[in-house]
Amino acid sequence: MPKIYEYFGFVFFFFSNEHEPIHVHVMKSGYQTVFELILMDGELTDIRTRSEGGYPLLNEKDAKTAEEFIRAYYKNIVEKWMNFFVLKKRVRCTQITKKIK
């Protein structure tokens, strides 16, 4: 389970046996939401959310914060996805200590 980002109590990660579409799991305080990145020609066009694993979903405020983070870092998330799942490279967790807004 590669953890890819930590951001003010949020943990962004992949499971090691993931599938497309590109998506990231976001957990905070025992709540989790999966964010699917919808891309067109390499650009983010939409983000869809879903639950997984029986965890309760992030509350509305936390889900909004996580989505803002994903919108700001989606190119890096896609790069980490490609490195881990396609190129079979190790990915490192990045701790972000500066607020997006």
PDB file of N, CA and C in Angstrom:
ATOM      1  N   MET A   1       0.846  -1.173   0.000  1.00  0.00           N
ATOM      2  CA  MET A   1       0.000   0.000   0.000  1.00  0.00           C
ATOM      3  C   MET A   1       0.892   1.237   0.000  1.00  0.00           C
ATOM      4  N   PRO A   2       1.283   1.716  -1.159  1.00  0.00           N
ATOM      5  CA  PRO A   2       2.148   2.899  -1.173  1.00  0.00           C
ATOM      6  C   PRO A   2       1.394   4.167  -0.779  1.00  0.00           C
ATOM      7  N   LYS A   3       1.920   4.798   0.249  1.00  0.00           N
ATOM      8  CA  LYS A   3       1.416   6.103   0.672  1.00  0.00           C
ATOM      9  C   LYS A   3       2.137   7.128  -0.194  1.00  0.00           C
ATOM     10  N   ILE A   4       1.384   8.037  -0.818  1.00  0.00           N
ATOM     11  CA  ILE A   4       2.025   8.972  -1.746  1.00  0.00           C
ATOM     12  C   ILE A   4       2.081  10.407  -1.225  1.00  0.00           C
ATOM     13  N   TYR A   5       1.129  10.804  -0.385  1.00  0.00           N
ATOM     14  CA  TYR A   5       1.135  12.158   0.185  1.00  0.00           C
ATOM     15  C   TYR A   5       0.583  12.144   1.594  1.00  0.00           C
ATOM     16  N   GLU A   6       1.089  13.057   2.410  1.00  0.00           N
ATOM     17  CA  GLU A   6       0.494  13.426   3.683  1.00  0.00           C
ATOM     18  C   GLU A   6       0.247  14.925   3.619  1.00  0.00           C
ATOM     19  N   TYR A   7      -0.954  15.325   4.026  1.00  0.00           N
ATOM     20  CA  TYR A   7      -1.328  16.735   3.921  1.00  0.00           C
ATOM     21  C   TYR A   7      -2.282  17.081   5.064  1.00  0.00           C
ATOM     22  N   PHE A   8      -1.777  17.697   6.113  1.00  0.00           N
ATOM     23  CA  PHE A   8      -2.578  18.183   7.230  1.00  0.00           C
ATOM     24  C   PHE A   8      -3.592  17.158   7.735  1.00  0.00           C
ATOM     25  N   GLY A   9      -3.129  15.958   8.039  1.00  0.00           N
ATOM     26  CA  GLY A   9      -3.988  14.907   8.575  1.00  0.00           C
ATOM     27  C   GLY A   9      -4.585  13.984   7.530  1.00  0.00           C
ATOM     28  N   PHE A  10      -4.476  14.337   6.266  1.00  0.00           N
ATOM     29  CA  PHE A  10      -4.954  13.484   5.171  1.00  0.00           C
ATOM     30  C   PHE A  10      -3.816  12.580   4.723  1.00  0.00           C
ATOM     31  N   VAL A  11      -4.154  11.339   4.401  1.00  0.00           N
ATOM     32  CA  VAL A  11      -3.188  10.405   3.828  1.00  0.00           C
ATOM     33  C   VAL A  11      -3.734   9.982   2.471  1.00  0.00           C
ATOM     34  N   PHE A  12      -2.927  10.160   1.435  1.00  0.00           N
ATOM     35  CA  PHE A  12      -3.278   9.803   0.066  1.00  0.00           C
ATOM     36  C   PHE A  12      -2.466   8.563  -0.286  1.00  0.00           C
ATOM     37  N   PHE A  13      -3.129   7.521  -0.796  1.00  0.00           N
ATOM     38  CA  PHE A  13      -2.411   6.280  -1.056  1.00  0.00           C
ATOM     39  C   PHE A  13      -3.077   5.469  -2.164  1.00  0.00           C
ATOM     40  N   PHE A  14      -2.307   4.505  -2.659  1.00  0.00           N
ATOM     41  CA  PHE A  14      -2.792   3.491  -3.597  1.00  0.00           C
ATOM     42  C   PHE A  14      -2.795   2.159  -2.868  1.00  0.00           C
ATOM     43  N   PHE A  15      -3.607   1.218  -3.313  1.00  0.00           N
ATOM     44  CA  PHE A  15      -3.441  -0.173  -2.918  1.00  0.00           C
ATOM     45  C   PHE A  15      -2.495  -0.791  -3.931  1.00  0.00           C
ATOM     46  N   SER A  16      -1.772  -1.810  -3.533  1.00  0.00           N
ATOM     47  CA  SER A  16      -0.748  -2.372  -4.419  1.00  0.00           C
ATOM     48  C   SER A  16      -1.316  -3.177  -5.582  1.00  0.00           C
ATOM     49  N   ASN A  17      -2.602  -3.497  -5.561  1.00  0.00           N
ATOM     50  CA  ASN A  17      -3.200  -4.264  -6.663  1.00  0.00           C
ATOM     51  C   ASN A  17      -4.297  -3.452  -7.360  1.00  0.00           C
ATOM     52  N   GLU A  18      -4.020  -2.211  -7.664  1.00  0.00           N
ATOM     53  CA  GLU A  18      -5.025  -1.297  -8.208  1.00  0.00           C
ATOM     54  C   GLU A  18      -5.393  -1.602  -9.655  1.00  0.00           C
ATOM     55  N   HIS A  19      -6.381  -0.897 -10.124  1.00  0.00           N
ATOM     56  CA  HIS A  19      -6.939  -1.050 -11.463  1.00  0.00           C
ATOM     57  C   HIS A  19      -7.302   0.345 -11.967  1.00  0.00           C
ATOM     58  N   GLU A  20      -7.527   0.446 -13.249  1.00  0.00           N
ATOM     59  CA  GLU A  20      -7.962   1.725 -13.809  1.00  0.00           C
ATOM     60  C   GLU A  20      -9.446   1.914 -13.548  1.00  0.00           C
ATOM     61  N   PRO A  21      -9.964   3.116 -13.537  1.00  0.00           N
ATOM     62  CA  PRO A  21      -9.280   4.365 -13.848  1.00  0.00           C
ATOM     63  C   PRO A  21      -8.314   4.754 -12.723  1.00  0.00           C
ATOM     64  N   ILE A  22      -7.394   5.649 -13.080  1.00  0.00           N
ATOM     65  CA  ILE A  22      -6.458   6.139 -12.075  1.00  0.00           C
ATOM     66  C   ILE A  22      -7.270   6.733 -10.931  1.00  0.00           C
ATOM     67  N   HIS A  23      -6.927   6.318  -9.726  1.00  0.00           N
ATOM     68  CA  HIS A  23      -7.640   6.819  -8.557  1.00  0.00           C
ATOM     69  C   HIS A  23      -6.717   6.809  -7.355  1.00  0.00           C
ATOM     70  N   VAL A  24      -7.108   7.556  -6.357  1.00  0.00           N
ATOM     71  CA  VAL A  24      -6.336   7.646  -5.131  1.00  0.00           C
ATOM     72  C   VAL A  24      -7.297   7.516  -3.956  1.00  0.00           C
ATOM     73  N   HIS A  25      -6.856   6.777  -2.951  1.00  0.00           N
ATOM     74  CA  HIS A  25      -7.613   6.639  -1.713  1.00  0.00           C
ATOM     75  C   HIS A  25      -7.166   7.754  -0.782  1.00  0.00           C
ATOM     76  N   VAL A  26      -8.122   8.373  -0.109  1.00  0.00           N
ATOM     77  CA  VAL A  26      -7.795   9.437   0.828  1.00  0.00           C
ATOM     78  C   VAL A  26      -8.421   9.079   2.167  1.00  0.00           C
ATOM     79  N   MET A  27      -7.580   9.064   3.203  1.00  0.00           N
ATOM     80  CA  MET A  27      -8.054   8.706   4.534  1.00  0.00           C
ATOM     81  C   MET A  27      -7.731   9.831   5.508  1.00  0.00           C
ATOM     82  N   LYS A  28      -8.666  10.059   6.415  1.00  0.00           N
ATOM     83  CA  LYS A  28      -8.447  11.004   7.509  1.00  0.00           C
ATOM     84  C   LYS A  28      -9.324  10.562   8.670  1.00  0.00           C
ATOM     85  N   SER A  29      -8.710  10.367   9.821  1.00  0.00           N
ATOM     86  CA  SER A  29      -9.423  10.050  11.064  1.00  0.00           C
ATOM     87  C   SER A  29     -10.371   8.864  10.919  1.00  0.00           C
ATOM     88  N   GLY A  30      -9.955   7.827  10.208  1.00  0.00           N
ATOM     89  CA  GLY A  30     -10.771   6.631  10.067  1.00  0.00           C
ATOM     90  C   GLY A  30     -11.832   6.695   8.986  1.00  0.00           C
ATOM     91  N   TYR A  31     -11.901   7.792   8.264  1.00  0.00           N
ATOM     92  CA  TYR A  31     -12.834   7.960   7.141  1.00  0.00           C
ATOM     93  C   TYR A  31     -12.040   7.856   5.855  1.00  0.00           C
ATOM     94  N   GLN A  32     -12.680   7.350   4.809  1.00  0.00           N
ATOM     95  CA  GLN A  32     -11.957   7.160   3.545  1.00  0.00           C
ATOM     96  C   GLN A  32     -12.892   7.367   2.358  1.00  0.00           C
ATOM     97  N   THR A  33     -12.364   8.041   1.347  1.00  0.00           N
ATOM     98  CA  THR A  33     -13.070   8.205   0.080  1.00  0.00           C
ATOM     99  C   THR A  33     -12.083   7.909  -1.040  1.00  0.00           C
ATOM    100  N   VAL A  34     -12.575   7.283  -2.097  1.00  0.00           N
ATOM    101  CA  VAL A  34     -11.768   7.023  -3.287  1.00  0.00           C
ATOM    102  C   VAL A  34     -12.111   8.097  -4.312  1.00  0.00           C
ATOM    103  N   PHE A  35     -11.087   8.729  -4.862  1.00  0.00           N
ATOM    104  CA  PHE A  35     -11.250   9.781  -5.864  1.00  0.00           C
ATOM    105  C   PHE A  35     -10.715   9.256  -7.192  1.00  0.00           C
ATOM    106  N   GLU A  36     -11.603   9.124  -8.172  1.00  0.00           N
ATOM    107  CA  GLU A  36     -11.217   8.674  -9.504  1.00  0.00           C
ATOM    108  C   GLU A  36     -10.919   9.896 -10.366  1.00  0.00           C
ATOM    109  N   LEU A  37      -9.764   9.892 -11.010  1.00  0.00           N
ATOM    110  CA  LEU A  37      -9.350  11.000 -11.863  1.00  0.00           C
ATOM    111  C   LEU A  37      -9.761  10.698 -13.294  1.00  0.00           C
ATOM    112  N   ILE A  38     -10.602  11.534 -13.850  1.00  0.00           N
ATOM    113  CA  ILE A  38     -11.045  11.387 -15.232  1.00  0.00           C
ATOM    114  C   ILE A  38     -10.203  12.347 -16.072  1.00  0.00           C
ATOM    115  N   LEU A  39      -9.425  11.760 -16.987  1.00  0.00           N
ATOM    116  CA  LEU A  39      -8.477  12.530 -17.801  1.00  0.00           C
ATOM    117  C   LEU A  39      -8.865  12.495 -19.266  1.00  0.00           C
ATOM    118  N   MET A  40      -8.618  13.599 -19.955  1.00  0.00           N
ATOM    119  CA  MET A  40      -8.799  13.689 -21.400  1.00  0.00           C
ATOM    120  C   MET A  40      -7.568  14.397 -21.941  1.00  0.00           C
ATOM    121  N   ASP A  41      -6.819  13.703 -22.787  1.00  0.00           N
ATOM    122  CA  ASP A  41      -5.582  14.241 -23.355  1.00  0.00           C
ATOM    123  C   ASP A  41      -4.627  14.733 -22.271  1.00  0.00           C
ATOM    124  N   GLY A  42      -4.555  13.978 -21.170  1.00  0.00           N
ATOM    125  CA  GLY A  42      -3.635  14.304 -20.091  1.00  0.00           C
ATOM    126  C   GLY A  42      -4.096  15.378 -19.135  1.00  0.00           C
ATOM    127  N   GLU A  43      -5.268  15.940 -19.377  1.00  0.00           N
ATOM    128  CA  GLU A  43      -5.792  16.998 -18.513  1.00  0.00           C
ATOM    129  C   GLU A  43      -6.947  16.454 -17.673  1.00  0.00           C
ATOM    130  N   LEU A  44      -7.020  16.900 -16.445  1.00  0.00           N
ATOM    131  CA  LEU A  44      -8.078  16.480 -15.544  1.00  0.00           C
ATOM    132  C   LEU A  44      -9.391  17.137 -15.957  1.00  0.00           C
ATOM    133  N   THR A  45     -10.388  16.332 -16.261  1.00  0.00           N
ATOM    134  CA  THR A  45     -11.685  16.873 -16.665  1.00  0.00           C
ATOM    135  C   THR A  45     -12.755  16.683 -15.595  1.00  0.00           C
ATOM    136  N   ASP A  46     -12.556  15.682 -14.723  1.00  0.00           N
ATOM    137  CA  ASP A  46     -13.562  15.424 -13.694  1.00  0.00           C
ATOM    138  C   ASP A  46     -12.945  14.560 -12.599  1.00  0.00           C
ATOM    139  N   ILE A  47     -13.554  14.611 -11.436  1.00  0.00           N
ATOM    140  CA  ILE A  47     -13.190  13.733 -10.327  1.00  0.00           C
ATOM    141  C   ILE A  47     -14.476  13.108  -9.829  1.00  0.00           C
ATOM    142  N   ARG A  48     -14.480  11.790  -9.738  1.00  0.00           N
ATOM    143  CA  ARG A  48     -15.636  11.062  -9.213  1.00  0.00           C
ATOM    144  C   ARG A  48     -15.239  10.431  -7.886  1.00  0.00           C
ATOM    145  N   THR A  49     -16.168  10.365  -6.974  1.00  0.00           N
ATOM    146  CA  THR A  49     -15.881   9.782  -5.670  1.00  0.00           C
ATOM    147  C   THR A  49     -16.711   8.529  -5.444  1.00  0.00           C
ATOM    148  N   ARG A  50     -16.166   7.653  -4.612  1.00  0.00           N
ATOM    149  CA  ARG A  50     -16.890   6.440  -4.235  1.00  0.00           C
ATOM    150  C   ARG A  50     -16.324   5.937  -2.914  1.00  0.00           C
ATOM    151  N   SER A  51     -17.072   5.040  -2.315  1.00  0.00           N
ATOM    152  CA  SER A  51     -16.604   4.409  -1.081  1.00  0.00           C
ATOM    153  C   SER A  51     -15.954   3.076  -1.429  1.00  0.00           C
ATOM    154  N   GLU A  52     -15.222   2.554  -0.464  1.00  0.00           N
ATOM    155  CA  GLU A  52     -14.616   1.240  -0.654  1.00  0.00           C
ATOM    156  C   GLU A  52     -14.219   0.681   0.702  1.00  0.00           C
ATOM    157  N   GLY A  53     -14.336  -0.604   0.833  1.00  0.00           N
ATOM    158  CA  GLY A  53     -13.838  -1.291   2.013  1.00  0.00           C
ATOM    159  C   GLY A  53     -14.649  -1.099   3.279  1.00  0.00           C
ATOM    160  N   GLY A  54     -15.854  -0.591   3.150  1.00  0.00           N
ATOM    161  CA  GLY A  54     -16.695  -0.444   4.326  1.00  0.00           C
ATOM    162  C   GLY A  54     -16.364   0.746   5.210  1.00  0.00           C
ATOM    163  N   TYR A  55     -15.409   1.561   4.816  1.00  0.00           N
ATOM    164  CA  TYR A  55     -15.088   2.756   5.599  1.00  0.00           C
ATOM    165  C   TYR A  55     -16.159   3.816   5.375  1.00  0.00           C
ATOM    166  N   PRO A  56     -16.470   4.600   6.405  1.00  0.00           N
ATOM    167  CA  PRO A  56     -17.367   5.735   6.183  1.00  0.00           C
ATOM    168  C   PRO A  56     -16.654   6.786   5.333  1.00  0.00           C
ATOM    169  N   LEU A  57     -17.421   7.480   4.498  1.00  0.00           N
ATOM    170  CA  LEU A  57     -16.861   8.506   3.614  1.00  0.00           C
ATOM    171  C   LEU A  57     -16.388   9.722   4.401  1.00  0.00           C
ATOM    172  N   LEU A  58     -15.409  10.412   3.839  1.00  0.00           N
ATOM    173  CA  LEU A  58     -14.988  11.696   4.403  1.00  0.00           C
ATOM    174  C   LEU A  58     -16.197  12.622   4.485  1.00  0.00           C
ATOM    175  N   ASN A  59     -16.217  13.480   5.503  1.00  0.00           N
ATOM    176  CA  ASN A  59     -17.314  14.445   5.558  1.00  0.00           C
ATOM    177  C   ASN A  59     -17.157  15.462   4.426  1.00  0.00           C
ATOM    178  N   GLU A  60     -18.170  16.248   4.211  1.00  0.00           N
ATOM    179  CA  GLU A  60     -18.199  17.163   3.056  1.00  0.00           C
ATOM    180  C   GLU A  60     -17.015  18.123   3.041  1.00  0.00           C
ATOM    181  N   LYS A  61     -16.677  18.688   4.184  1.00  0.00           N
ATOM    182  CA  LYS A  61     -15.557  19.639   4.261  1.00  0.00           C
ATOM    183  C   LYS A  61     -14.229  18.951   3.923  1.00  0.00           C
ATOM    184  N   ASP A  62     -13.999  17.771   4.504  1.00  0.00           N
ATOM    185  CA  ASP A  62     -12.751  17.050   4.232  1.00  0.00           C
ATOM    186  C   ASP A  62     -12.681  16.559   2.789  1.00  0.00           C
ATOM    187  N   ALA A  63     -13.814  16.116   2.251  1.00  0.00           N
ATOM    188  CA  ALA A  63     -13.840  15.675   0.854  1.00  0.00           C
ATOM    189  C   ALA A  63     -13.505  16.837  -0.078  1.00  0.00           C
ATOM    190  N   LYS A  64     -14.009  18.026   0.246  1.00  0.00           N
ATOM    191  CA  LYS A  64     -13.722  19.218  -0.569  1.00  0.00           C
ATOM    192  C   LYS A  64     -12.228  19.556  -0.497  1.00  0.00           C
ATOM    193  N   THR A  65     -11.655  19.493   0.702  1.00  0.00           N
ATOM    194  CA  THR A  65     -10.224  19.764   0.859  1.00  0.00           C
ATOM    195  C   THR A  65      -9.393  18.746   0.075  1.00  0.00           C
ATOM    196  N   ALA A  66      -9.768  17.464   0.175  1.00  0.00           N
ATOM    197  CA  ALA A  66      -9.038  16.421  -0.551  1.00  0.00           C
ATOM    198  C   ALA A  66      -9.143  16.640  -2.054  1.00  0.00           C
ATOM    199  N   GLU A  67     -10.325  17.005  -2.532  1.00  0.00           N
ATOM    200  CA  GLU A  67     -10.484  17.243  -3.973  1.00  0.00           C
ATOM    201  C   GLU A  67      -9.662  18.442  -4.424  1.00  0.00           C
ATOM    202  N   GLU A  68      -9.618  19.500  -3.635  1.00  0.00           N
ATOM    203  CA  GLU A  68      -8.789  20.663  -3.981  1.00  0.00           C
ATOM    204  C   GLU A  68      -7.318  20.254  -4.083  1.00  0.00           C
ATOM    205  N   PHE A  69      -6.877  19.419  -3.151  1.00  0.00           N
ATOM    206  CA  PHE A  69      -5.504  18.928  -3.184  1.00  0.00           C
ATOM    207  C   PHE A  69      -5.261  18.125  -4.456  1.00  0.00           C
ATOM    208  N   ILE A  70      -6.185  17.229  -4.766  1.00  0.00           N
ATOM    209  CA  ILE A  70      -6.036  16.396  -5.957  1.00  0.00           C
ATOM    210  C   ILE A  70      -6.002  17.248  -7.217  1.00  0.00           C
ATOM    211  N   ARG A  71      -6.844  18.262  -7.293  1.00  0.00           N
ATOM    212  CA  ARG A  71      -6.836  19.155  -8.461  1.00  0.00           C
ATOM    213  C   ARG A  71      -5.489  19.868  -8.585  1.00  0.00           C
ATOM    214  N   ALA A  72      -4.896  20.247  -7.465  1.00  0.00           N
ATOM    215  CA  ALA A  72      -3.608  20.943  -7.490  1.00  0.00           C
ATOM    216  C   ALA A  72      -2.447  20.003  -7.827  1.00  0.00           C
ATOM    217  N   TYR A  73      -2.559  18.736  -7.424  1.00  0.00           N
ATOM    218  CA  TYR A  73      -1.441  17.792  -7.561  1.00  0.00           C
ATOM    219  C   TYR A  73      -1.729  16.639  -8.516  1.00  0.00           C
ATOM    220  N   TYR A  74      -2.757  16.739  -9.330  1.00  0.00           N
ATOM    221  CA  TYR A  74      -3.151  15.576 -10.142  1.00  0.00           C
ATOM    222  C   TYR A  74      -2.039  15.091 -11.063  1.00  0.00           C
ATOM    223  N   LYS A  75      -1.254  15.990 -11.632  1.00  0.00           N
ATOM    224  CA  LYS A  75      -0.178  15.548 -12.525  1.00  0.00           C
ATOM    225  C   LYS A  75       0.845  14.712 -11.764  1.00  0.00           C
ATOM    226  N   ASN A  76       1.136  15.100 -10.527  1.00  0.00           N
ATOM    227  CA  ASN A  76       2.058  14.325  -9.697  1.00  0.00           C
ATOM    228  C   ASN A  76       1.444  12.985  -9.303  1.00  0.00           C
ATOM    229  N   ILE A  77       0.137  12.968  -9.033  1.00  0.00           N
ATOM    230  CA  ILE A  77      -0.542  11.716  -8.693  1.00  0.00           C
ATOM    231  C   ILE A  77      -0.484  10.754  -9.875  1.00  0.00           C
ATOM    232  N   VAL A  78      -0.765  11.264 -11.064  1.00  0.00           N
ATOM    233  CA  VAL A  78      -0.702  10.428 -12.274  1.00  0.00           C
ATOM    234  C   VAL A  78       0.722   9.915 -12.486  1.00  0.00           C
ATOM    235  N   GLU A  79       1.703  10.773 -12.282  1.00  0.00           N
ATOM    236  CA  GLU A  79       3.100  10.359 -12.432  1.00  0.00           C
ATOM    237  C   GLU A  79       3.450   9.244 -11.441  1.00  0.00           C
ATOM    238  N   LYS A  80       3.023   9.404 -10.187  1.00  0.00           N
ATOM    239  CA  LYS A  80       3.291   8.367  -9.187  1.00  0.00           C
ATOM    240  C   LYS A  80       2.570   7.070  -9.555  1.00  0.00           C
ATOM    241  N   TRP A  81       1.343   7.176 -10.078  1.00  0.00           N
ATOM    242  CA  TRP A  81       0.589   5.989 -10.516  1.00  0.00           C
ATOM    243  C   TRP A  81       1.368   5.261 -11.611  1.00  0.00           C
ATOM    244  N   MET A  82       1.795   6.018 -12.620  1.00  0.00           N
ATOM    245  CA  MET A  82       2.522   5.421 -13.741  1.00  0.00           C
ATOM    246  C   MET A  82       3.837   4.792 -13.272  1.00  0.00           C
ATOM    247  N   ASN A  83       4.555   5.488 -12.424  1.00  0.00           N
ATOM    248  CA  ASN A  83       5.815   4.946 -11.925  1.00  0.00           C
ATOM    249  C   ASN A  83       5.595   3.640 -11.169  1.00  0.00           C
ATOM    250  N   PHE A  84       4.566   3.605 -10.317  1.00  0.00           N
ATOM    251  CA  PHE A  84       4.350   2.422  -9.486  1.00  0.00           C
ATOM    252  C   PHE A  84       3.730   1.264 -10.258  1.00  0.00           C
ATOM    253  N   PHE A  85       2.647   1.531 -10.984  1.00  0.00           N
ATOM    254  CA  PHE A  85       1.901   0.434 -11.601  1.00  0.00           C
ATOM    255  C   PHE A  85       2.393   0.041 -12.986  1.00  0.00           C
ATOM    256  N   VAL A  86       2.927   0.972 -13.745  1.00  0.00           N
ATOM    257  CA  VAL A  86       3.374   0.671 -15.106  1.00  0.00           C
ATOM    258  C   VAL A  86       4.872   0.385 -15.139  1.00  0.00           C
ATOM    259  N   LEU A  87       5.649   1.284 -14.555  1.00  0.00           N
ATOM    260  CA  LEU A  87       7.107   1.139 -14.604  1.00  0.00           C
ATOM    261  C   LEU A  87       7.659   0.308 -13.452  1.00  0.00           C
ATOM    262  N   LYS A  88       6.794  -0.054 -12.504  1.00  0.00           N
ATOM    263  CA  LYS A  88       7.170  -0.886 -11.351  1.00  0.00           C
ATOM    264  C   LYS A  88       8.295  -0.267 -10.525  1.00  0.00           C
ATOM    265  N   LYS A  89       8.240   1.053 -10.403  1.00  0.00           N
ATOM    266  CA  LYS A  89       9.215   1.774  -9.592  1.00  0.00           C
ATOM    267  C   LYS A  89       8.633   2.021  -8.200  1.00  0.00           C
ATOM    268  N   ARG A  90       9.511   2.213  -7.283  1.00  0.00           N
ATOM    269  CA  ARG A  90       9.107   2.564  -5.927  1.00  0.00           C
ATOM    270  C   ARG A  90       8.714   4.039  -5.897  1.00  0.00           C
ATOM    271  N   VAL A  91       7.658   4.362  -5.180  1.00  0.00           N
ATOM    272  CA  VAL A  91       7.266   5.764  -5.030  1.00  0.00           C
ATOM    273  C   VAL A  91       7.408   6.159  -3.570  1.00  0.00           C
ATOM    274  N   ARG A  92       7.762   7.375  -3.362  1.00  0.00           N
ATOM    275  CA  ARG A  92       7.974   7.884  -2.009  1.00  0.00           C
ATOM    276  C   ARG A  92       6.818   8.790  -1.593  1.00  0.00           C
ATOM    277  N   CYS A  93       6.598   8.812  -0.309  1.00  0.00           N
ATOM    278  CA  CYS A  93       5.580   9.689   0.257  1.00  0.00           C
ATOM    279  C   CYS A  93       6.152  11.100   0.351  1.00  0.00           C
ATOM    280  N   THR A  94       5.355  12.063  -0.053  1.00  0.00           N
ATOM    281  CA  THR A  94       5.729  13.467   0.044  1.00  0.00           C
ATOM    282  C   THR A  94       4.830  14.115   1.090  1.00  0.00           C
ATOM    283  N   GLN A  95       5.456  14.775   2.057  1.00  0.00           N
ATOM    284  CA  GLN A  95       4.669  15.481   3.058  1.00  0.00           C
ATOM    285  C   GLN A  95       4.544  16.936   2.616  1.00  0.00           C
ATOM    286  N   ILE A  96       3.307  17.380   2.441  1.00  0.00           N
ATOM    287  CA  ILE A  96       3.032  18.746   2.007  1.00  0.00           C
ATOM    288  C   ILE A  96       2.685  19.566   3.255  1.00  0.00           C
ATOM    289  N   THR A  97       3.459  20.606   3.503  1.00  0.00           N
ATOM    290  CA  THR A  97       3.267  21.393   4.721  1.00  0.00           C
ATOM    291  C   THR A  97       2.772  22.810   4.432  1.00  0.00           C
ATOM    292  N   LYS A  98       2.485  23.087   3.173  1.00  0.00           N
ATOM    293  CA  LYS A  98       1.977  24.407   2.799  1.00  0.00           C
ATOM    294  C   LYS A  98       0.546  24.239   2.299  1.00  0.00           C
ATOM    295  N   LYS A  99      -0.363  25.017   2.858  1.00  0.00           N
ATOM    296  CA  LYS A  99      -1.767  24.956   2.460  1.00  0.00           C
ATOM    297  C   LYS A  99      -1.907  25.338   0.992  1.00  0.00           C
ATOM    298  N   ILE A 100      -2.851  24.702   0.310  1.00  0.00           N
ATOM    299  CA  ILE A 100      -3.080  24.968  -1.103  1.00  0.00           C
ATOM    300  C   ILE A 100      -3.608  26.380  -1.319  1.00  0.00           C
ATOM    301  N   LYS A 101      -4.548  26.777  -0.503  1.00  0.00           N
ATOM    302  CA  LYS A 101      -5.147  28.116  -0.658  1.00  0.00           C
ATOM    303  C   LYS A 101      -4.676  29.038   0.429  1.00  0.00           C
TER     304      LYS A 101
END
